[in-house]
Amino acid sequence: MSEFDFEILSPQGSSFKGKSSTATFPTLSGFITVLPGHANLITVLTKGEINFQTPEGEKKVSITGGFLEISDHRVNVVAEFAMPSDEASKEKIDEAIRIANELKQKRQSSVDVSVMEAHLKTQIEMLRSGGLKLRRKK
């Protein structure tokens, strides 16, 4: 039986890394099933469950969305949140979503601050070098 390398990553860490012979993913257009030799593809994943077959048996991982990349006999998932379905509980999922949202907010505010700092530094350097002329009111 032919297999492909498969990994599911999220902010919580790696939910799975190993070999798989088939995997089904929830996408914006419906479900997509990947088999060995699948064409290269990048697509958006939606909330749902990834079902896949490993040498040890069938596995399921719940996700809240993310991206799927198929390239050169490798399948990679980067998920907003991922947890093996047999470990999932409503409390664990709600807590993980809360943490992910907090991290997302912190990242957005730190990006905004760094963009503003970079813009301010550029303007200061332009003033120092004479590249930005100030006009006085008459």
N, C-alpha and C. Protein backbone atom coordinates (compact mmCIF):
# COMPACT_ATOMS: atom_id res chain seq x y z
N MET A 1 0.84 -1.18 0.00
CA MET A 1 0.00 0.00 0.00
C MET A 1 0.89 1.24 0.00
N SER A 2 0.57 2.20 -0.84
CA SER A 2 1.34 3.43 -0.95
C SER A 2 0.90 4.42 0.12
N GLU A 3 1.85 5.22 0.60
CA GLU A 3 1.57 6.17 1.67
C GLU A 3 2.23 7.51 1.37
N PHE A 4 1.83 8.53 2.12
CA PHE A 4 2.46 9.84 2.03
C PHE A 4 2.79 10.31 3.43
N ASP A 5 3.77 11.23 3.53
CA ASP A 5 4.12 11.85 4.80
C ASP A 5 3.03 12.86 5.14
N PHE A 6 2.61 12.88 6.40
CA PHE A 6 1.48 13.70 6.81
C PHE A 6 1.76 14.33 8.16
N GLU A 7 1.48 15.65 8.28
CA GLU A 7 1.67 16.34 9.56
C GLU A 7 0.56 17.36 9.77
N ILE A 8 0.09 17.43 11.01
CA ILE A 8 -0.92 18.42 11.41
C ILE A 8 -0.30 19.27 12.51
N LEU A 9 -0.15 20.58 12.24
CA LEU A 9 0.43 21.52 13.19
C LEU A 9 -0.59 22.55 13.60
N SER A 10 -0.47 23.03 14.84
CA SER A 10 -1.32 24.11 15.35
C SER A 10 -0.53 24.83 16.44
N PRO A 11 -1.06 25.93 16.97
CA PRO A 11 -0.36 26.59 18.08
C PRO A 11 -0.15 25.68 19.28
N GLN A 12 -0.97 24.64 19.42
CA GLN A 12 -0.83 23.70 20.53
C GLN A 12 0.31 22.71 20.29
N GLY A 13 0.85 22.66 19.09
CA GLY A 13 1.93 21.73 18.75
C GLY A 13 1.51 20.80 17.64
N SER A 14 2.24 19.72 17.50
CA SER A 14 1.95 18.74 16.45
C SER A 14 0.89 17.76 16.95
N SER A 15 -0.22 17.68 16.21
CA SER A 15 -1.29 16.74 16.56
C SER A 15 -1.06 15.38 15.94
N PHE A 16 -0.30 15.36 14.84
CA PHE A 16 0.04 14.09 14.20
C PHE A 16 1.22 14.32 13.27
N LYS A 17 2.13 13.36 13.25
CA LYS A 17 3.22 13.35 12.28
C LYS A 17 3.53 11.90 12.00
N GLY A 18 3.41 11.52 10.73
CA GLY A 18 3.66 10.14 10.36
C GLY A 18 3.23 9.86 8.94
N LYS A 19 2.93 8.60 8.68
CA LYS A 19 2.52 8.14 7.35
C LYS A 19 1.01 7.95 7.32
N SER A 20 0.43 8.20 6.16
CA SER A 20 -0.99 7.98 5.96
C SER A 20 -1.22 7.47 4.55
N SER A 21 -2.26 6.66 4.38
CA SER A 21 -2.58 6.15 3.05
C SER A 21 -3.78 6.88 2.44
N THR A 22 -4.55 7.57 3.26
CA THR A 22 -5.68 8.36 2.79
C THR A 22 -6.07 9.36 3.88
N ALA A 23 -6.57 10.52 3.46
CA ALA A 23 -7.00 11.53 4.43
C ALA A 23 -8.13 12.35 3.82
N THR A 24 -9.12 12.69 4.64
CA THR A 24 -10.26 13.50 4.20
C THR A 24 -10.30 14.78 5.02
N PHE A 25 -10.47 15.91 4.32
CA PHE A 25 -10.40 17.23 4.96
C PHE A 25 -11.66 18.05 4.69
N PRO A 26 -12.09 18.86 5.69
CA PRO A 26 -13.22 19.78 5.47
C PRO A 26 -12.71 21.08 4.82
N THR A 27 -13.20 21.40 3.62
CA THR A 27 -12.78 22.63 2.93
C THR A 27 -14.00 23.53 2.71
N LEU A 28 -13.76 24.72 2.20
CA LEU A 28 -14.84 25.66 1.91
C LEU A 28 -15.82 25.11 0.88
N SER A 29 -15.32 24.23 -0.01
CA SER A 29 -16.15 23.67 -1.09
C SER A 29 -16.72 22.31 -0.74
N GLY A 30 -16.49 21.82 0.43
CA GLY A 30 -16.92 20.48 0.82
C GLY A 30 -15.71 19.66 1.25
N PHE A 31 -15.87 18.36 1.26
CA PHE A 31 -14.78 17.49 1.70
C PHE A 31 -13.89 17.12 0.52
N ILE A 32 -12.59 17.00 0.81
CA ILE A 32 -11.62 16.56 -0.19
C ILE A 32 -10.88 15.36 0.40
N THR A 33 -10.72 14.32 -0.41
CA THR A 33 -9.97 13.14 0.01
C THR A 33 -8.66 13.10 -0.74
N VAL A 34 -7.59 12.90 0.01
CA VAL A 34 -6.25 12.86 -0.57
C VAL A 34 -5.74 11.43 -0.53
N LEU A 35 -5.23 10.99 -1.66
CA LEU A 35 -4.60 9.67 -1.79
C LEU A 35 -3.16 9.87 -2.21
N PRO A 36 -2.30 8.86 -2.07
CA PRO A 36 -0.92 9.00 -2.54
C PRO A 36 -0.88 9.40 -4.01
N GLY A 37 0.01 10.32 -4.36
CA GLY A 37 0.14 10.77 -5.73
C GLY A 37 -0.79 11.92 -6.09
N HIS A 38 -1.49 12.48 -5.10
CA HIS A 38 -2.41 13.59 -5.34
C HIS A 38 -1.65 14.77 -5.94
N ALA A 39 -2.30 15.53 -6.81
CA ALA A 39 -1.70 16.72 -7.40
C ALA A 39 -1.40 17.76 -6.31
N ASN A 40 -0.40 18.58 -6.57
CA ASN A 40 -0.06 19.65 -5.62
C ASN A 40 -1.26 20.59 -5.47
N LEU A 41 -1.47 21.05 -4.23
CA LEU A 41 -2.66 21.85 -3.93
C LEU A 41 -2.44 22.62 -2.63
N ILE A 42 -2.99 23.83 -2.59
CA ILE A 42 -3.08 24.59 -1.35
C ILE A 42 -4.52 25.06 -1.25
N THR A 43 -5.17 24.83 -0.10
CA THR A 43 -6.57 25.23 0.08
C THR A 43 -6.85 25.58 1.53
N VAL A 44 -7.95 26.26 1.73
CA VAL A 44 -8.39 26.67 3.07
C VAL A 44 -9.23 25.55 3.68
N LEU A 45 -9.00 25.29 4.94
CA LEU A 45 -9.80 24.30 5.68
C LEU A 45 -10.79 25.03 6.57
N THR A 46 -11.93 24.39 6.79
CA THR A 46 -12.96 24.94 7.66
C THR A 46 -13.05 24.11 8.94
N LYS A 47 -13.91 24.54 9.84
CA LYS A 47 -14.14 23.80 11.07
C LYS A 47 -14.68 22.41 10.73
N GLY A 48 -14.13 21.41 11.37
CA GLY A 48 -14.59 20.04 11.13
C GLY A 48 -13.58 19.03 11.62
N GLU A 49 -13.62 17.87 11.01
CA GLU A 49 -12.78 16.76 11.44
C GLU A 49 -11.97 16.23 10.26
N ILE A 50 -10.68 16.02 10.51
CA ILE A 50 -9.82 15.37 9.53
C ILE A 50 -9.81 13.89 9.87
N ASN A 51 -10.17 13.05 8.90
CA ASN A 51 -10.15 11.59 9.06
C ASN A 51 -9.02 11.05 8.21
N PHE A 52 -8.17 10.21 8.81
CA PHE A 52 -7.07 9.66 8.02
C PHE A 52 -6.70 8.26 8.49
N GLN A 53 -6.12 7.53 7.57
CA GLN A 53 -5.74 6.13 7.81
C GLN A 53 -4.22 6.06 7.99
N THR A 54 -3.78 5.47 9.09
CA THR A 54 -2.35 5.28 9.36
C THR A 54 -2.08 3.78 9.43
N PRO A 55 -0.82 3.37 9.46
CA PRO A 55 -0.52 1.94 9.64
C PRO A 55 -1.12 1.37 10.92
N GLU A 56 -1.33 2.23 11.94
CA GLU A 56 -1.91 1.79 13.22
C GLU A 56 -3.43 1.76 13.20
N GLY A 57 -4.05 2.34 12.17
CA GLY A 57 -5.51 2.37 12.10
C GLY A 57 -6.04 3.75 11.78
N GLU A 58 -7.36 3.89 11.85
CA GLU A 58 -8.00 5.17 11.54
C GLU A 58 -7.83 6.15 12.69
N LYS A 59 -7.59 7.42 12.34
CA LYS A 59 -7.46 8.49 13.33
C LYS A 59 -8.32 9.66 12.90
N LYS A 60 -8.71 10.48 13.88
CA LYS A 60 -9.51 11.67 13.64
C LYS A 60 -8.95 12.82 14.46
N VAL A 61 -8.87 14.00 13.82
CA VAL A 61 -8.41 15.20 14.50
C VAL A 61 -9.41 16.31 14.21
N SER A 62 -9.92 16.93 15.27
CA SER A 62 -10.85 18.05 15.13
C SER A 62 -10.06 19.34 14.94
N ILE A 63 -10.50 20.19 13.98
CA ILE A 63 -9.85 21.47 13.74
C ILE A 63 -10.90 22.57 13.69
N THR A 64 -10.46 23.81 13.88
CA THR A 64 -11.37 24.95 13.76
C THR A 64 -11.12 25.74 12.49
N GLY A 65 -10.26 25.27 11.62
CA GLY A 65 -9.93 25.94 10.37
C GLY A 65 -8.43 25.94 10.18
N GLY A 66 -7.99 26.36 9.01
CA GLY A 66 -6.56 26.41 8.72
C GLY A 66 -6.29 26.26 7.24
N PHE A 67 -5.13 25.70 6.93
CA PHE A 67 -4.71 25.53 5.54
C PHE A 67 -4.19 24.12 5.31
N LEU A 68 -4.39 23.64 4.09
CA LEU A 68 -3.90 22.33 3.66
C LEU A 68 -2.94 22.55 2.51
N GLU A 69 -1.76 21.93 2.58
CA GLU A 69 -0.79 21.99 1.49
C GLU A 69 -0.41 20.56 1.10
N ILE A 70 -0.55 20.26 -0.18
CA ILE A 70 -0.13 18.97 -0.72
C ILE A 70 0.99 19.28 -1.70
N SER A 71 2.17 18.70 -1.45
CA SER A 71 3.32 18.98 -2.30
C SER A 71 4.34 17.86 -2.20
N ASP A 72 4.72 17.32 -3.34
CA ASP A 72 5.79 16.32 -3.41
C ASP A 72 5.61 15.17 -2.41
N HIS A 73 4.49 14.50 -2.45
CA HIS A 73 4.20 13.34 -1.60
C HIS A 73 4.18 13.67 -0.12
N ARG A 74 3.94 14.95 0.20
CA ARG A 74 3.79 15.40 1.59
C ARG A 74 2.47 16.12 1.73
N VAL A 75 1.82 15.92 2.85
CA VAL A 75 0.57 16.62 3.15
C VAL A 75 0.78 17.32 4.49
N ASN A 76 0.63 18.64 4.48
CA ASN A 76 0.81 19.43 5.69
C ASN A 76 -0.45 20.21 5.98
N VAL A 77 -0.83 20.23 7.24
CA VAL A 77 -1.97 21.03 7.70
C VAL A 77 -1.45 22.00 8.75
N VAL A 78 -1.80 23.27 8.57
CA VAL A 78 -1.54 24.27 9.61
C VAL A 78 -2.93 24.72 10.06
N ALA A 79 -3.27 24.37 11.29
CA ALA A 79 -4.62 24.62 11.81
C ALA A 79 -4.61 25.69 12.89
N GLU A 80 -5.71 26.43 12.97
CA GLU A 80 -5.87 27.40 14.06
C GLU A 80 -5.90 26.69 15.39
N PHE A 81 -6.56 25.55 15.41
CA PHE A 81 -6.66 24.71 16.60
C PHE A 81 -6.84 23.28 16.12
N ALA A 82 -6.13 22.35 16.72
CA ALA A 82 -6.25 20.94 16.34
C ALA A 82 -6.09 20.07 17.59
N MET A 83 -6.96 19.06 17.67
CA MET A 83 -6.89 18.13 18.80
C MET A 83 -7.42 16.78 18.34
N PRO A 84 -6.70 15.70 18.65
CA PRO A 84 -7.24 14.38 18.32
C PRO A 84 -8.65 14.25 18.90
N SER A 85 -9.58 13.77 18.08
CA SER A 85 -11.00 13.73 18.47
C SER A 85 -11.25 12.92 19.73
N ASP A 86 -10.46 11.88 19.96
CA ASP A 86 -10.69 11.08 21.17
C ASP A 86 -10.25 11.81 22.44
N GLU A 87 -9.44 12.87 22.30
CA GLU A 87 -9.02 13.67 23.45
C GLU A 87 -9.88 14.92 23.63
N ALA A 88 -10.70 15.22 22.61
CA ALA A 88 -11.44 16.48 22.62
C ALA A 88 -12.60 16.46 23.62
N SER A 89 -12.78 17.57 24.26
CA SER A 89 -13.96 17.80 25.08
C SER A 89 -14.35 19.25 24.87
N LYS A 90 -15.57 19.58 25.12
CA LYS A 90 -16.03 20.95 24.90
C LYS A 90 -15.19 21.93 25.72
N GLU A 91 -14.85 21.58 26.95
CA GLU A 91 -14.07 22.48 27.80
C GLU A 91 -12.68 22.70 27.23
N LYS A 92 -12.02 21.63 26.78
CA LYS A 92 -10.68 21.76 26.21
C LYS A 92 -10.70 22.61 24.94
N ILE A 93 -11.70 22.39 24.11
CA ILE A 93 -11.81 23.14 22.86
C ILE A 93 -12.07 24.61 23.15
N ASP A 94 -13.01 24.92 24.05
CA ASP A 94 -13.30 26.30 24.39
C ASP A 94 -12.08 27.01 24.97
N GLU A 95 -11.35 26.33 25.83
CA GLU A 95 -10.14 26.92 26.42
C GLU A 95 -9.09 27.19 25.35
N ALA A 96 -8.88 26.26 24.45
CA ALA A 96 -7.89 26.44 23.39
C ALA A 96 -8.28 27.57 22.45
N ILE A 97 -9.56 27.69 22.14
CA ILE A 97 -10.02 28.78 21.28
C ILE A 97 -9.82 30.12 21.97
N ARG A 98 -10.10 30.17 23.27
CA ARG A 98 -9.89 31.41 24.04
C ARG A 98 -8.42 31.82 24.01
N ILE A 99 -7.53 30.86 24.22
CA ILE A 99 -6.09 31.15 24.20
C ILE A 99 -5.65 31.60 22.81
N ALA A 100 -6.14 30.93 21.78
CA ALA A 100 -5.78 31.30 20.41
C ALA A 100 -6.25 32.71 20.08
N ASN A 101 -7.45 33.07 20.52
CA ASN A 101 -7.95 34.43 20.28
C ASN A 101 -7.13 35.47 21.01
N GLU A 102 -6.72 35.17 22.24
CA GLU A 102 -5.86 36.09 22.99
C GLU A 102 -4.53 36.29 22.28
N LEU A 103 -3.93 35.20 21.82
CA LEU A 103 -2.66 35.30 21.10
C LEU A 103 -2.83 36.09 19.81
N LYS A 104 -3.93 35.87 19.13
CA LYS A 104 -4.20 36.58 17.89
C LYS A 104 -4.31 38.08 18.15
N GLN A 105 -5.02 38.46 19.23
CA GLN A 105 -5.16 39.88 19.57
C GLN A 105 -3.81 40.49 19.93
N LYS A 106 -3.01 39.77 20.71
CA LYS A 106 -1.69 40.28 21.08
C LYS A 106 -0.82 40.46 19.85
N ARG A 107 -0.88 39.48 18.94
CA ARG A 107 -0.07 39.55 17.73
C ARG A 107 -0.50 40.74 16.89
N GLN A 108 -1.79 40.98 16.74
CA GLN A 108 -2.26 42.09 15.94
C GLN A 108 -1.83 43.41 16.54
N SER A 109 -1.96 43.57 17.85
CA SER A 109 -1.59 44.84 18.45
C SER A 109 -0.08 45.04 18.40
N SER A 110 0.73 43.99 18.56
CA SER A 110 2.19 44.16 18.48
C SER A 110 2.63 44.46 17.06
N VAL A 111 1.94 43.90 16.06
CA VAL A 111 2.26 44.20 14.67
C VAL A 111 1.94 45.65 14.39
N ASP A 112 0.79 46.13 14.85
CA ASP A 112 0.41 47.52 14.63
C ASP A 112 1.44 48.46 15.25
N VAL A 113 1.89 48.17 16.46
CA VAL A 113 2.87 49.01 17.13
C VAL A 113 4.19 48.99 16.37
N SER A 114 4.64 47.84 15.92
CA SER A 114 5.92 47.77 15.22
C SER A 114 5.85 48.47 13.87
N VAL A 115 4.71 48.40 13.20
CA VAL A 115 4.55 49.13 11.94
C VAL A 115 4.62 50.63 12.18
N MET A 116 3.94 51.08 13.22
CA MET A 116 3.97 52.51 13.54
C MET A 116 5.37 52.96 13.95
N GLU A 117 6.08 52.14 14.73
CA GLU A 117 7.45 52.49 15.12
C GLU A 117 8.35 52.59 13.90
N ALA A 118 8.23 51.65 12.98
CA ALA A 118 9.04 51.69 11.76
C ALA A 118 8.74 52.93 10.94
N HIS A 119 7.47 53.28 10.81
CA HIS A 119 7.09 54.47 10.06
C HIS A 119 7.63 55.72 10.74
N LEU A 120 7.53 55.80 12.06
CA LEU A 120 8.03 56.95 12.80
C LEU A 120 9.55 57.08 12.65
N LYS A 121 10.28 55.97 12.77
CA LYS A 121 11.74 56.01 12.60
C LYS A 121 12.12 56.48 11.21
N THR A 122 11.39 56.05 10.20
CA THR A 122 11.66 56.48 8.83
C THR A 122 11.47 57.98 8.70
N GLN A 123 10.39 58.51 9.27
CA GLN A 123 10.12 59.94 9.20
C GLN A 123 11.19 60.74 9.94
N ILE A 124 11.64 60.24 11.09
CA ILE A 124 12.69 60.92 11.86
C ILE A 124 13.98 60.96 11.05
N GLU A 125 14.35 59.87 10.42
CA GLU A 125 15.57 59.83 9.60
C GLU A 125 15.46 60.77 8.40
N MET A 126 14.29 60.83 7.82
CA MET A 126 14.10 61.76 6.69
C MET A 126 14.26 63.20 7.15
N LEU A 127 13.75 63.52 8.35
CA LEU A 127 13.93 64.87 8.89
C LEU A 127 15.40 65.17 9.14
N ARG A 128 16.12 64.21 9.73
CA ARG A 128 17.55 64.41 10.03
C ARG A 128 18.37 64.58 8.76
N SER A 129 18.06 63.81 7.74
CA SER A 129 18.86 63.85 6.52
C SER A 129 18.45 64.97 5.57
N GLY A 130 17.38 65.66 5.88
CA GLY A 130 16.93 66.74 5.00
C GLY A 130 16.05 66.24 3.88
N GLY A 131 15.72 64.98 3.87
CA GLY A 131 14.89 64.42 2.82
C GLY A 131 13.44 64.83 2.93
N LEU A 132 13.04 65.31 4.08
CA LEU A 132 11.67 65.78 4.28
C LEU A 132 11.74 67.23 4.66
N LYS A 133 11.19 68.08 3.82
CA LYS A 133 11.25 69.53 4.05
C LYS A 133 10.02 69.97 4.83
N LEU A 134 10.27 70.73 5.88
CA LEU A 134 9.18 71.30 6.65
C LEU A 134 8.95 72.73 6.15
N ARG A 135 7.72 73.07 6.05
CA ARG A 135 7.36 74.43 5.60
C ARG A 135 6.90 75.23 6.82
N ARG A 136 7.42 76.41 6.91
CA ARG A 136 6.99 77.31 7.99
C ARG A 136 5.83 78.13 7.52
N LYS A 137 4.93 78.40 8.42
CA LYS A 137 3.81 79.28 8.10
C LYS A 137 4.32 80.70 8.01
N LYS A 138 3.80 81.44 7.07
CA LYS A 138 4.19 82.84 6.91
C LYS A 138 3.15 83.75 7.47
